[in-house]
């Protein structure tokens, strides 16, 4: 039985309850579940997570969550990917687990959006990229319902070593952040939203973003 209108997908990669609490703090009704049938029955879907691209994809495929997510997106349910949940929306990534089960350089993602995820490389700046940094709205981002009342250059909380690469299509890029290289830190196409930062850890602006997603989920 569905206990709320937004399912936070539990693929055993990260602290889901901080996202559930964040949605609740802005008046949304969210619950964590690892059941594909809950993804299918929910009003909207949030995919958070930490860990490697490969580990996430292995788990999503083995549990049937990958198919359920793609089907939910396909029928128009609002979807928000956070950090690793953003990465796996794309076609491929270079982040392998210690013992690779895919082989080759690339790990295939969900393929909902076109593009790649690659490691941030620097000899002068610290990687992982951890802490508060700015996200700058693109023209696309200014039109996005996820970023209503979010200021340009807002300070948001990041923790990651991998980011979207330059082959991501410009027409989905809603925010950019400049660290090591310029990368898309927010994306939007139709009912699909994604952010590199953690809104649940990003104070007032992060709560505004979660509030906006709740509003989208409620139509």
N, C-alpha and C. Protein backbone atom coordinates (compact mmCIF):
# COMPACT_ATOMS: atom_id res chain seq x y z
N UNK A 1 0.85 -1.21 0.00
CA UNK A 1 0.00 0.00 0.00
C UNK A 1 0.88 1.25 0.00
N UNK A 2 0.51 2.19 -0.84
CA UNK A 2 1.26 3.44 -0.91
C UNK A 2 0.94 4.31 0.30
N UNK A 3 1.98 4.80 0.95
CA UNK A 3 1.83 5.60 2.16
C UNK A 3 2.03 7.09 1.92
N UNK A 4 2.32 7.47 0.71
CA UNK A 4 2.55 8.88 0.42
C UNK A 4 2.49 9.13 -1.06
N UNK A 5 2.67 10.37 -1.44
CA UNK A 5 2.55 10.68 -2.86
C UNK A 5 3.91 10.77 -3.56
N UNK A 6 5.01 10.81 -2.83
CA UNK A 6 6.34 10.85 -3.43
C UNK A 6 7.16 9.70 -2.87
N UNK A 7 7.65 8.83 -3.73
CA UNK A 7 8.49 7.72 -3.27
C UNK A 7 9.95 8.12 -3.42
N UNK A 8 10.73 7.93 -2.37
CA UNK A 8 12.17 8.11 -2.40
C UNK A 8 12.77 6.72 -2.57
N UNK A 9 13.40 6.48 -3.72
CA UNK A 9 13.81 5.14 -4.08
C UNK A 9 14.99 4.69 -3.21
N UNK A 10 14.80 3.56 -2.55
CA UNK A 10 15.83 2.98 -1.69
C UNK A 10 16.58 1.91 -2.47
N UNK A 11 17.74 2.26 -3.01
CA UNK A 11 18.57 1.25 -3.65
C UNK A 11 19.85 1.02 -2.83
N UNK A 12 19.69 1.31 -1.52
CA UNK A 12 20.70 0.98 -0.52
C UNK A 12 22.03 1.70 -0.79
N UNK A 13 21.92 2.96 -1.24
CA UNK A 13 23.10 3.79 -1.52
C UNK A 13 22.90 5.18 -0.92
N UNK A 14 22.95 5.28 0.40
CA UNK A 14 22.92 6.62 0.98
C UNK A 14 21.83 6.79 2.02
N UNK A 15 21.83 7.95 2.65
CA UNK A 15 20.87 8.27 3.71
C UNK A 15 19.60 8.83 3.10
N UNK A 16 18.60 7.99 2.94
CA UNK A 16 17.35 8.43 2.33
C UNK A 16 16.51 9.27 3.27
N UNK A 17 16.65 9.03 4.57
CA UNK A 17 15.74 9.69 5.50
C UNK A 17 15.93 11.19 5.53
N UNK A 18 17.13 11.68 5.23
CA UNK A 18 17.30 13.14 5.19
C UNK A 18 16.48 13.74 4.06
N UNK A 19 16.34 13.00 2.95
CA UNK A 19 15.50 13.48 1.85
C UNK A 19 14.03 13.40 2.23
N UNK A 20 13.64 12.28 2.85
CA UNK A 20 12.25 12.13 3.29
C UNK A 20 11.88 13.24 4.27
N UNK A 21 12.78 13.52 5.22
CA UNK A 21 12.52 14.59 6.19
C UNK A 21 12.46 15.95 5.51
N UNK A 22 13.34 16.18 4.53
CA UNK A 22 13.33 17.45 3.83
C UNK A 22 12.03 17.69 3.10
N UNK A 23 11.53 16.66 2.42
CA UNK A 23 10.24 16.79 1.73
C UNK A 23 9.12 17.04 2.74
N UNK A 24 9.16 16.33 3.87
CA UNK A 24 8.15 16.54 4.90
C UNK A 24 8.18 17.93 5.48
N UNK A 25 9.39 18.51 5.59
CA UNK A 25 9.54 19.84 6.18
C UNK A 25 8.89 20.93 5.33
N UNK A 26 8.72 20.66 4.04
CA UNK A 26 8.07 21.65 3.17
C UNK A 26 6.63 21.26 2.85
N UNK A 27 6.08 20.32 3.61
CA UNK A 27 4.68 19.97 3.47
C UNK A 27 4.37 18.84 2.52
N UNK A 28 5.41 18.18 2.00
CA UNK A 28 5.18 17.06 1.11
C UNK A 28 4.99 15.76 1.87
N UNK A 29 4.50 14.76 1.17
CA UNK A 29 4.26 13.46 1.76
C UNK A 29 5.15 12.46 1.04
N UNK A 30 6.24 12.05 1.68
CA UNK A 30 7.23 11.17 1.05
C UNK A 30 7.51 9.97 1.93
N UNK A 31 7.92 8.87 1.30
CA UNK A 31 8.33 7.68 2.02
C UNK A 31 9.38 6.97 1.20
N UNK A 32 10.26 6.23 1.89
CA UNK A 32 11.32 5.47 1.23
C UNK A 32 10.84 4.06 0.96
N UNK A 33 11.19 3.52 -0.21
CA UNK A 33 10.81 2.16 -0.55
C UNK A 33 11.79 1.60 -1.56
N UNK A 34 12.03 0.28 -1.48
CA UNK A 34 12.86 -0.40 -2.48
C UNK A 34 11.99 -1.28 -3.39
N UNK A 35 10.68 -1.09 -3.35
CA UNK A 35 9.76 -1.93 -4.12
C UNK A 35 9.41 -1.27 -5.46
N UNK A 36 9.67 -1.94 -6.59
CA UNK A 36 9.29 -1.37 -7.89
C UNK A 36 7.82 -1.03 -7.99
N UNK A 37 6.96 -1.81 -7.32
CA UNK A 37 5.53 -1.53 -7.39
C UNK A 37 5.16 -0.22 -6.71
N UNK A 38 5.94 0.19 -5.71
CA UNK A 38 5.69 1.50 -5.09
C UNK A 38 6.10 2.63 -6.02
N UNK A 39 7.16 2.42 -6.79
CA UNK A 39 7.54 3.40 -7.81
C UNK A 39 6.42 3.55 -8.82
N UNK A 40 5.85 2.43 -9.23
CA UNK A 40 4.78 2.45 -10.23
C UNK A 40 3.51 3.12 -9.71
N UNK A 41 3.24 3.00 -8.41
CA UNK A 41 1.99 3.50 -7.85
C UNK A 41 2.09 4.93 -7.31
N UNK A 42 3.29 5.47 -7.20
CA UNK A 42 3.47 6.78 -6.59
C UNK A 42 3.07 7.91 -7.54
N UNK A 43 2.92 9.09 -6.96
CA UNK A 43 2.63 10.29 -7.74
C UNK A 43 3.89 10.88 -8.36
N UNK A 44 5.03 10.72 -7.69
CA UNK A 44 6.30 11.29 -8.14
C UNK A 44 7.44 10.47 -7.53
N UNK A 45 8.64 10.65 -8.08
CA UNK A 45 9.78 9.81 -7.70
C UNK A 45 11.00 10.68 -7.44
N UNK A 46 11.71 10.40 -6.33
CA UNK A 46 13.00 11.00 -6.07
C UNK A 46 14.03 9.88 -5.98
N UNK A 47 15.14 10.04 -6.71
CA UNK A 47 16.24 9.07 -6.67
C UNK A 47 17.48 9.78 -6.13
N UNK A 48 17.80 9.60 -4.84
CA UNK A 48 19.02 10.18 -4.28
C UNK A 48 20.14 9.15 -4.33
N UNK A 49 21.19 9.35 -3.53
CA UNK A 49 22.20 8.30 -3.42
C UNK A 49 23.62 8.78 -3.37
N UNK A 50 24.45 7.96 -2.75
CA UNK A 50 25.90 8.15 -2.77
C UNK A 50 26.51 6.79 -3.13
N UNK A 51 27.78 6.78 -3.53
CA UNK A 51 28.41 5.56 -3.95
C UNK A 51 28.80 5.63 -5.41
N UNK A 52 29.11 4.49 -6.01
CA UNK A 52 29.59 4.50 -7.39
C UNK A 52 28.46 4.31 -8.39
N UNK A 53 28.66 4.85 -9.58
CA UNK A 53 27.73 4.72 -10.69
C UNK A 53 27.43 3.24 -10.95
N UNK A 54 28.49 2.44 -10.99
CA UNK A 54 28.31 1.02 -11.30
C UNK A 54 27.50 0.30 -10.22
N UNK A 55 27.84 0.52 -8.96
CA UNK A 55 27.10 -0.13 -7.87
C UNK A 55 25.63 0.23 -7.93
N UNK A 56 25.35 1.51 -8.22
CA UNK A 56 23.96 1.94 -8.31
C UNK A 56 23.23 1.23 -9.44
N UNK A 57 23.86 1.15 -10.62
CA UNK A 57 23.19 0.53 -11.75
C UNK A 57 22.99 -0.98 -11.54
N UNK A 58 23.96 -1.64 -10.92
CA UNK A 58 23.79 -3.07 -10.63
C UNK A 58 22.58 -3.27 -9.72
N UNK A 59 22.48 -2.46 -8.67
CA UNK A 59 21.37 -2.59 -7.73
C UNK A 59 20.04 -2.27 -8.39
N UNK A 60 19.98 -1.18 -9.16
CA UNK A 60 18.72 -0.78 -9.80
C UNK A 60 18.23 -1.85 -10.78
N UNK A 61 19.15 -2.45 -11.51
CA UNK A 61 18.75 -3.48 -12.48
C UNK A 61 18.34 -4.78 -11.80
N UNK A 62 19.10 -5.20 -10.79
CA UNK A 62 18.79 -6.47 -10.13
C UNK A 62 17.45 -6.45 -9.41
N UNK A 63 17.07 -5.30 -8.89
CA UNK A 63 15.83 -5.19 -8.11
C UNK A 63 14.60 -4.90 -8.97
N UNK A 64 14.80 -4.57 -10.24
CA UNK A 64 13.69 -4.16 -11.09
C UNK A 64 13.35 -2.69 -10.97
N UNK A 65 14.10 -1.97 -10.12
CA UNK A 65 13.83 -0.54 -9.94
C UNK A 65 14.14 0.25 -11.20
N UNK A 66 15.17 -0.16 -11.96
CA UNK A 66 15.54 0.58 -13.17
C UNK A 66 14.38 0.63 -14.15
N UNK A 67 13.77 -0.52 -14.41
CA UNK A 67 12.63 -0.55 -15.34
C UNK A 67 11.46 0.26 -14.80
N UNK A 68 11.21 0.16 -13.50
CA UNK A 68 10.10 0.90 -12.90
C UNK A 68 10.32 2.41 -13.00
N UNK A 69 11.55 2.86 -12.81
CA UNK A 69 11.86 4.29 -12.92
C UNK A 69 11.67 4.78 -14.35
N UNK A 70 12.21 4.04 -15.31
CA UNK A 70 12.07 4.44 -16.71
C UNK A 70 10.60 4.47 -17.12
N UNK A 71 9.83 3.50 -16.67
CA UNK A 71 8.40 3.47 -16.99
C UNK A 71 7.66 4.63 -16.34
N UNK A 72 8.01 4.96 -15.08
CA UNK A 72 7.36 6.09 -14.40
C UNK A 72 7.65 7.39 -15.13
N UNK A 73 8.90 7.58 -15.53
CA UNK A 73 9.26 8.78 -16.30
C UNK A 73 8.50 8.80 -17.61
N UNK A 74 8.40 7.65 -18.25
CA UNK A 74 7.74 7.57 -19.55
C UNK A 74 6.27 7.93 -19.53
N UNK A 75 5.59 7.69 -18.41
CA UNK A 75 4.17 8.05 -18.31
C UNK A 75 3.98 9.45 -17.73
N UNK A 76 5.08 10.18 -17.52
CA UNK A 76 4.98 11.59 -17.15
C UNK A 76 5.05 11.91 -15.68
N UNK A 77 5.43 10.94 -14.84
CA UNK A 77 5.53 11.25 -13.41
C UNK A 77 6.73 12.16 -13.15
N UNK A 78 6.56 13.19 -12.32
CA UNK A 78 7.70 14.03 -11.97
C UNK A 78 8.80 13.21 -11.31
N UNK A 79 10.03 13.45 -11.74
CA UNK A 79 11.19 12.70 -11.26
C UNK A 79 12.29 13.68 -10.90
N UNK A 80 12.91 13.46 -9.73
CA UNK A 80 14.05 14.27 -9.30
C UNK A 80 15.21 13.35 -8.95
N UNK A 81 16.33 13.50 -9.65
CA UNK A 81 17.55 12.77 -9.33
C UNK A 81 18.50 13.68 -8.58
N UNK A 82 19.04 13.19 -7.46
CA UNK A 82 19.95 13.96 -6.62
C UNK A 82 21.32 13.29 -6.60
N UNK A 83 22.36 14.03 -6.99
CA UNK A 83 23.74 13.57 -6.96
C UNK A 83 23.89 12.30 -7.80
N UNK A 84 24.15 11.14 -7.19
CA UNK A 84 24.25 9.91 -7.97
C UNK A 84 22.95 9.62 -8.71
N UNK A 85 21.83 10.02 -8.13
CA UNK A 85 20.54 9.86 -8.81
C UNK A 85 20.43 10.69 -10.07
N UNK A 86 21.15 11.80 -10.14
CA UNK A 86 21.28 12.57 -11.38
C UNK A 86 22.15 11.81 -12.37
N UNK A 87 23.28 11.33 -11.93
CA UNK A 87 24.24 10.69 -12.83
C UNK A 87 23.62 9.54 -13.61
N UNK A 88 22.91 8.67 -12.91
CA UNK A 88 22.42 7.45 -13.58
C UNK A 88 21.30 7.72 -14.57
N UNK A 89 20.75 8.93 -14.58
CA UNK A 89 19.78 9.29 -15.61
C UNK A 89 20.40 9.27 -17.01
N UNK A 90 21.72 9.43 -17.08
CA UNK A 90 22.39 9.63 -18.36
C UNK A 90 22.86 8.31 -18.96
N UNK A 91 23.42 8.40 -20.15
CA UNK A 91 23.71 7.21 -20.93
C UNK A 91 24.83 6.36 -20.41
N UNK A 92 25.85 6.99 -19.79
CA UNK A 92 27.01 6.20 -19.38
C UNK A 92 27.86 6.97 -18.38
N UNK A 93 28.66 6.22 -17.62
CA UNK A 93 29.57 6.84 -16.66
C UNK A 93 30.85 6.04 -16.56
N UNK A 94 31.91 6.68 -16.10
CA UNK A 94 33.21 6.01 -15.98
C UNK A 94 33.48 5.47 -14.59
N UNK A 95 32.55 5.67 -13.64
CA UNK A 95 32.81 5.32 -12.24
C UNK A 95 32.48 3.85 -11.99
N UNK A 96 33.52 3.04 -11.86
CA UNK A 96 33.37 1.62 -11.59
C UNK A 96 33.49 1.34 -10.11
N UNK A 97 32.90 0.22 -9.69
CA UNK A 97 33.16 -0.30 -8.36
C UNK A 97 34.55 -0.94 -8.36
N UNK A 98 34.99 -1.37 -7.21
CA UNK A 98 36.34 -1.95 -7.10
C UNK A 98 36.48 -3.18 -8.00
N UNK A 99 35.47 -4.00 -8.03
CA UNK A 99 35.47 -5.18 -8.89
C UNK A 99 34.39 -5.00 -9.96
N UNK A 100 34.80 -4.55 -11.13
CA UNK A 100 33.83 -4.19 -12.16
C UNK A 100 33.07 -5.40 -12.67
N UNK A 101 31.75 -5.24 -12.78
CA UNK A 101 30.91 -6.30 -13.31
C UNK A 101 30.49 -6.02 -14.75
N UNK A 102 30.82 -4.83 -15.26
CA UNK A 102 30.44 -4.49 -16.62
C UNK A 102 31.58 -4.70 -17.61
N UNK A 103 32.80 -4.44 -17.19
CA UNK A 103 33.92 -4.52 -18.12
C UNK A 103 33.97 -3.29 -19.00
N UNK A 104 35.16 -3.01 -19.56
CA UNK A 104 35.29 -1.84 -20.42
C UNK A 104 35.40 -0.55 -19.62
N UNK A 105 35.48 0.56 -20.34
CA UNK A 105 35.66 1.87 -19.71
C UNK A 105 34.36 2.41 -19.16
N UNK A 106 33.26 2.19 -19.86
CA UNK A 106 31.99 2.84 -19.54
C UNK A 106 31.01 1.87 -18.87
N UNK A 107 30.27 2.40 -17.94
CA UNK A 107 29.14 1.70 -17.33
C UNK A 107 27.86 2.31 -17.91
N UNK A 108 26.95 1.52 -18.47
CA UNK A 108 25.71 2.08 -19.00
C UNK A 108 24.77 2.54 -17.90
N UNK A 109 24.16 3.72 -18.12
CA UNK A 109 23.17 4.25 -17.19
C UNK A 109 21.76 3.94 -17.65
N UNK A 110 20.79 4.67 -17.12
CA UNK A 110 19.40 4.46 -17.49
C UNK A 110 19.10 4.96 -18.90
N UNK A 111 19.89 5.92 -19.39
CA UNK A 111 19.71 6.41 -20.75
C UNK A 111 18.48 7.26 -20.96
N UNK A 112 17.95 7.83 -19.88
CA UNK A 112 16.80 8.74 -20.01
C UNK A 112 17.22 10.03 -20.71
N UNK A 113 18.43 10.51 -20.41
CA UNK A 113 19.00 11.69 -21.04
C UNK A 113 20.32 11.31 -21.68
N UNK A 114 20.70 12.06 -22.72
CA UNK A 114 21.93 11.75 -23.44
C UNK A 114 23.12 12.46 -22.80
N UNK A 115 24.24 11.73 -22.69
CA UNK A 115 25.44 12.33 -22.15
C UNK A 115 26.18 11.38 -21.23
N UNK A 116 27.31 11.85 -20.72
CA UNK A 116 28.23 11.02 -19.94
C UNK A 116 28.54 11.66 -18.60
N UNK A 117 29.04 10.82 -17.69
CA UNK A 117 29.49 11.26 -16.37
C UNK A 117 30.95 10.85 -16.23
N UNK A 118 31.83 11.82 -15.93
CA UNK A 118 33.26 11.55 -15.84
C UNK A 118 33.83 12.17 -14.56
N UNK A 119 35.02 11.75 -14.20
CA UNK A 119 35.65 12.21 -12.97
C UNK A 119 36.16 13.64 -13.11
N UNK A 120 36.04 14.40 -12.04
CA UNK A 120 36.69 15.70 -11.95
C UNK A 120 38.18 15.48 -11.73
N UNK A 121 39.01 16.07 -12.57
CA UNK A 121 40.46 15.87 -12.48
C UNK A 121 41.15 17.21 -12.28
N UNK A 122 42.01 17.28 -11.27
CA UNK A 122 42.73 18.53 -11.00
C UNK A 122 44.01 18.25 -10.24
N UNK A 123 45.04 19.03 -10.54
CA UNK A 123 46.29 18.97 -9.77
C UNK A 123 46.37 20.11 -8.76
N UNK A 124 45.41 21.05 -8.80
CA UNK A 124 45.47 22.22 -7.92
C UNK A 124 44.27 22.35 -6.99
N UNK A 125 43.12 21.78 -7.36
CA UNK A 125 41.94 21.85 -6.53
C UNK A 125 41.61 20.47 -5.97
N UNK A 126 41.02 20.47 -4.80
CA UNK A 126 40.74 19.21 -4.11
C UNK A 126 39.58 18.46 -4.77
N UNK A 127 39.78 17.18 -4.99
CA UNK A 127 38.73 16.28 -5.43
C UNK A 127 38.73 15.11 -4.44
N UNK A 128 37.58 14.78 -3.83
CA UNK A 128 36.22 15.21 -4.10
C UNK A 128 35.97 16.70 -3.88
N UNK A 129 34.98 17.19 -4.60
CA UNK A 129 34.46 18.53 -4.47
C UNK A 129 33.43 18.49 -3.35
N UNK A 130 33.81 18.99 -2.17
CA UNK A 130 32.95 18.90 -1.00
C UNK A 130 32.78 20.28 -0.39
N UNK A 131 31.52 20.65 -0.15
CA UNK A 131 31.23 21.91 0.53
C UNK A 131 30.29 22.78 -0.27
N UNK A 132 30.22 24.04 0.14
CA UNK A 132 29.29 25.00 -0.47
C UNK A 132 29.92 25.60 -1.72
N UNK A 133 29.14 25.67 -2.78
CA UNK A 133 29.60 26.27 -4.02
C UNK A 133 28.39 26.87 -4.74
N UNK A 134 28.68 27.66 -5.77
CA UNK A 134 27.62 28.38 -6.45
C UNK A 134 27.09 27.60 -7.66
N UNK A 135 25.80 27.75 -7.89
CA UNK A 135 25.15 27.19 -9.08
C UNK A 135 24.49 28.34 -9.83
N UNK A 136 24.82 28.48 -11.11
CA UNK A 136 24.36 29.61 -11.91
C UNK A 136 23.28 29.15 -12.89
N UNK A 137 22.15 29.83 -12.86
CA UNK A 137 21.03 29.47 -13.72
C UNK A 137 21.33 29.79 -15.18
N UNK A 138 20.98 28.88 -16.05
CA UNK A 138 20.98 29.15 -17.49
C UNK A 138 19.62 29.73 -17.86
N UNK A 139 19.45 30.11 -19.12
CA UNK A 139 18.14 30.58 -19.57
C UNK A 139 17.11 29.46 -19.39
N UNK A 140 17.53 28.24 -19.65
CA UNK A 140 16.65 27.09 -19.45
C UNK A 140 16.26 26.97 -17.98
N UNK A 141 17.21 27.17 -17.10
CA UNK A 141 16.93 27.06 -15.68
C UNK A 141 15.97 28.11 -15.17
N UNK A 142 16.03 29.29 -15.75
CA UNK A 142 15.11 30.37 -15.33
C UNK A 142 13.67 30.05 -15.68
N UNK A 143 13.47 29.11 -16.61
CA UNK A 143 12.12 28.71 -17.00
C UNK A 143 11.64 27.47 -16.25
N UNK A 144 12.52 26.86 -15.47
CA UNK A 144 12.20 25.57 -14.85
C UNK A 144 11.37 25.75 -13.59
N UNK A 145 10.30 24.96 -13.44
CA UNK A 145 9.52 25.04 -12.20
C UNK A 145 10.29 24.58 -10.97
N UNK A 146 11.39 23.84 -11.15
CA UNK A 146 12.17 23.41 -10.00
C UNK A 146 12.95 24.55 -9.36
N UNK A 147 13.21 25.61 -10.12
CA UNK A 147 14.08 26.69 -9.64
C UNK A 147 13.35 28.01 -9.46
N UNK A 148 12.04 27.95 -9.31
CA UNK A 148 11.26 29.15 -9.00
C UNK A 148 11.75 29.73 -7.67
N UNK A 149 12.01 31.04 -7.66
CA UNK A 149 12.47 31.76 -6.47
C UNK A 149 13.84 31.31 -5.97
N UNK A 150 14.61 30.65 -6.84
CA UNK A 150 15.99 30.29 -6.52
C UNK A 150 16.91 31.33 -7.15
N UNK A 151 17.74 32.02 -6.38
CA UNK A 151 18.57 33.09 -6.94
C UNK A 151 19.70 32.55 -7.80
N UNK A 152 20.08 33.31 -8.81
CA UNK A 152 21.24 32.96 -9.62
C UNK A 152 22.50 33.01 -8.76
N UNK A 153 23.35 32.02 -8.91
CA UNK A 153 24.56 31.97 -8.10
C UNK A 153 24.33 31.53 -6.67
N UNK A 154 23.24 30.82 -6.42
CA UNK A 154 22.91 30.38 -5.07
C UNK A 154 23.99 29.45 -4.53
N UNK A 155 24.26 29.55 -3.23
CA UNK A 155 25.19 28.65 -2.55
C UNK A 155 24.46 27.36 -2.19
N UNK A 156 25.01 26.24 -2.64
CA UNK A 156 24.39 24.94 -2.42
C UNK A 156 25.47 23.94 -2.00
N UNK A 157 25.06 22.84 -1.38
CA UNK A 157 26.03 21.91 -0.79
C UNK A 157 26.32 20.75 -1.73
N UNK A 158 27.60 20.57 -2.06
CA UNK A 158 28.06 19.54 -2.98
C UNK A 158 28.94 18.53 -2.25
N UNK A 159 28.90 17.30 -2.70
CA UNK A 159 29.90 16.30 -2.30
C UNK A 159 29.97 15.22 -3.38
N UNK A 160 30.99 15.32 -4.24
CA UNK A 160 31.09 14.40 -5.39
C UNK A 160 32.48 14.48 -6.01
N UNK A 161 32.85 13.40 -6.70
CA UNK A 161 34.09 13.35 -7.47
C UNK A 161 33.83 13.25 -8.97
N UNK A 162 32.59 12.96 -9.35
CA UNK A 162 32.21 12.81 -10.75
C UNK A 162 31.14 13.83 -11.08
N UNK A 163 31.09 14.23 -12.35
CA UNK A 163 30.12 15.24 -12.78
C UNK A 163 29.77 15.02 -14.25
N UNK A 164 28.72 15.68 -14.68
CA UNK A 164 28.30 15.57 -16.08
C UNK A 164 29.37 16.15 -16.99
N UNK A 165 29.56 15.50 -18.13
CA UNK A 165 30.60 15.90 -19.08
C UNK A 165 30.04 16.86 -20.13
N UNK A 166 30.90 17.27 -21.05
CA UNK A 166 30.53 18.28 -22.04
C UNK A 166 29.58 17.76 -23.11
N UNK A 167 29.37 16.45 -23.19
CA UNK A 167 28.48 15.92 -24.22
C UNK A 167 27.01 15.94 -23.81
N UNK A 168 26.71 16.47 -22.61
CA UNK A 168 25.31 16.65 -22.22
C UNK A 168 24.69 17.73 -23.10
N UNK A 169 23.50 17.50 -23.59
CA UNK A 169 22.86 18.43 -24.51
C UNK A 169 22.53 19.75 -23.82
N UNK A 170 22.84 20.86 -24.50
CA UNK A 170 22.65 22.18 -23.91
C UNK A 170 21.21 22.46 -23.51
N UNK A 171 20.27 21.88 -24.24
CA UNK A 171 18.87 22.23 -23.98
C UNK A 171 18.29 21.57 -22.73
N UNK A 172 19.08 20.76 -22.03
CA UNK A 172 18.61 20.23 -20.74
C UNK A 172 19.35 20.87 -19.57
N UNK A 173 20.39 21.65 -19.83
CA UNK A 173 21.21 22.22 -18.76
C UNK A 173 20.49 23.42 -18.14
N UNK A 174 20.16 23.30 -16.85
CA UNK A 174 19.43 24.35 -16.15
C UNK A 174 20.31 25.16 -15.20
N UNK A 175 21.42 24.56 -14.76
CA UNK A 175 22.37 25.22 -13.86
C UNK A 175 23.78 24.78 -14.22
N UNK A 176 24.74 25.67 -13.96
CA UNK A 176 26.15 25.32 -14.14
C UNK A 176 26.93 25.73 -12.90
N UNK A 177 27.93 24.91 -12.57
CA UNK A 177 28.86 25.20 -11.48
C UNK A 177 30.27 25.09 -12.04
N UNK A 178 31.17 25.94 -11.55
CA UNK A 178 32.53 26.02 -12.08
C UNK A 178 33.51 25.58 -10.99
N UNK A 179 33.96 24.33 -11.09
CA UNK A 179 34.95 23.79 -10.16
C UNK A 179 35.73 22.72 -10.91
N UNK A 180 37.03 22.92 -11.05
CA UNK A 180 37.89 22.10 -11.90
C UNK A 180 37.56 22.34 -13.36
N UNK A 181 36.29 22.15 -13.71
CA UNK A 181 35.76 22.49 -15.02
C UNK A 181 34.32 22.94 -14.84
N UNK A 182 33.76 23.52 -15.88
CA UNK A 182 32.36 23.92 -15.83
C UNK A 182 31.50 22.68 -16.11
N UNK A 183 30.58 22.37 -15.20
CA UNK A 183 29.72 21.20 -15.40
C UNK A 183 28.26 21.56 -15.09
N UNK A 184 27.37 20.83 -15.69
CA UNK A 184 25.95 21.02 -15.44
C UNK A 184 25.62 20.53 -14.03
N UNK A 185 25.13 21.43 -13.19
CA UNK A 185 24.76 21.05 -11.82
C UNK A 185 23.25 20.99 -11.64
N UNK A 186 22.51 21.27 -12.70
CA UNK A 186 21.06 21.12 -12.68
C UNK A 186 20.59 20.85 -14.09
N UNK A 187 19.63 19.93 -14.26
CA UNK A 187 19.09 19.63 -15.58
C UNK A 187 17.58 19.57 -15.50
N UNK A 188 16.96 19.77 -16.67
CA UNK A 188 15.50 19.70 -16.74
C UNK A 188 15.06 19.38 -18.16
N UNK A 189 14.24 18.36 -18.30
CA UNK A 189 13.53 18.09 -19.55
C UNK A 189 12.16 17.52 -19.20
N UNK A 190 11.12 18.25 -19.59
CA UNK A 190 9.74 17.81 -19.36
C UNK A 190 9.52 17.50 -17.88
N UNK A 191 9.24 16.25 -17.53
CA UNK A 191 8.98 15.86 -16.14
C UNK A 191 10.22 15.38 -15.40
N UNK A 192 11.39 15.51 -16.03
CA UNK A 192 12.64 14.98 -15.45
C UNK A 192 13.51 16.14 -14.97
N UNK A 193 13.86 16.11 -13.69
CA UNK A 193 14.72 17.10 -13.06
C UNK A 193 15.90 16.39 -12.40
N UNK A 194 17.03 17.06 -12.35
CA UNK A 194 18.18 16.49 -11.66
C UNK A 194 19.10 17.57 -11.15
N UNK A 195 19.73 17.32 -10.01
CA UNK A 195 20.68 18.28 -9.42
C UNK A 195 21.90 17.54 -8.91
N UNK A 196 23.07 18.16 -9.07
CA UNK A 196 24.32 17.58 -8.58
C UNK A 196 24.47 17.78 -7.08
N UNK A 197 23.99 18.88 -6.56
CA UNK A 197 24.11 19.21 -5.14
C UNK A 197 23.00 18.48 -4.34
N UNK A 198 23.07 18.64 -3.03
CA UNK A 198 22.09 18.01 -2.14
C UNK A 198 21.14 19.08 -1.60
N UNK A 199 19.94 19.19 -2.15
CA UNK A 199 19.02 20.22 -1.64
C UNK A 199 18.64 20.00 -0.18
N UNK A 200 18.58 18.73 0.25
CA UNK A 200 18.20 18.43 1.63
C UNK A 200 19.25 18.89 2.63
N UNK A 201 20.46 19.25 2.14
CA UNK A 201 21.54 19.75 3.00
C UNK A 201 21.89 21.21 2.69
N UNK A 202 21.06 21.87 1.90
CA UNK A 202 21.41 23.19 1.36
C UNK A 202 20.58 24.32 1.94
N UNK A 203 20.19 24.19 3.19
CA UNK A 203 19.56 25.27 3.93
C UNK A 203 18.32 25.79 3.21
N UNK A 204 18.08 27.11 3.28
CA UNK A 204 16.83 27.69 2.80
C UNK A 204 16.63 27.49 1.31
N UNK A 205 17.68 27.68 0.52
CA UNK A 205 17.55 27.54 -0.93
C UNK A 205 17.23 26.08 -1.29
N UNK A 206 17.88 25.15 -0.61
CA UNK A 206 17.58 23.75 -0.86
C UNK A 206 16.15 23.40 -0.53
N UNK A 207 15.63 23.95 0.56
CA UNK A 207 14.24 23.71 0.92
C UNK A 207 13.29 24.30 -0.11
N UNK A 208 13.68 25.44 -0.70
CA UNK A 208 12.85 26.03 -1.76
C UNK A 208 12.78 25.10 -2.96
N UNK A 209 13.90 24.47 -3.29
CA UNK A 209 13.92 23.54 -4.42
C UNK A 209 13.04 22.33 -4.13
N UNK A 210 13.12 21.79 -2.92
CA UNK A 210 12.24 20.67 -2.56
C UNK A 210 10.78 21.10 -2.57
N UNK A 211 10.51 22.31 -2.08
CA UNK A 211 9.14 22.82 -2.13
C UNK A 211 8.63 22.91 -3.56
N UNK A 212 9.49 23.37 -4.45
CA UNK A 212 9.10 23.47 -5.86
C UNK A 212 8.80 22.09 -6.44
N UNK A 213 9.59 21.08 -6.06
CA UNK A 213 9.31 19.75 -6.58
C UNK A 213 8.00 19.21 -6.03
N UNK A 214 7.72 19.46 -4.76
CA UNK A 214 6.42 19.06 -4.20
C UNK A 214 5.29 19.73 -4.97
N UNK A 215 5.46 21.00 -5.32
CA UNK A 215 4.44 21.71 -6.09
C UNK A 215 4.24 21.06 -7.46
N UNK A 216 5.35 20.68 -8.11
CA UNK A 216 5.26 20.01 -9.40
C UNK A 216 4.51 18.68 -9.24
N UNK A 217 4.86 17.93 -8.20
CA UNK A 217 4.24 16.63 -7.98
C UNK A 217 2.74 16.74 -7.77
N UNK A 218 2.31 17.84 -7.19
CA UNK A 218 0.89 18.05 -6.93
C UNK A 218 0.16 18.69 -8.12
N UNK A 219 0.93 18.97 -9.17
CA UNK A 219 0.29 19.52 -10.36
C UNK A 219 -0.11 20.97 -10.26
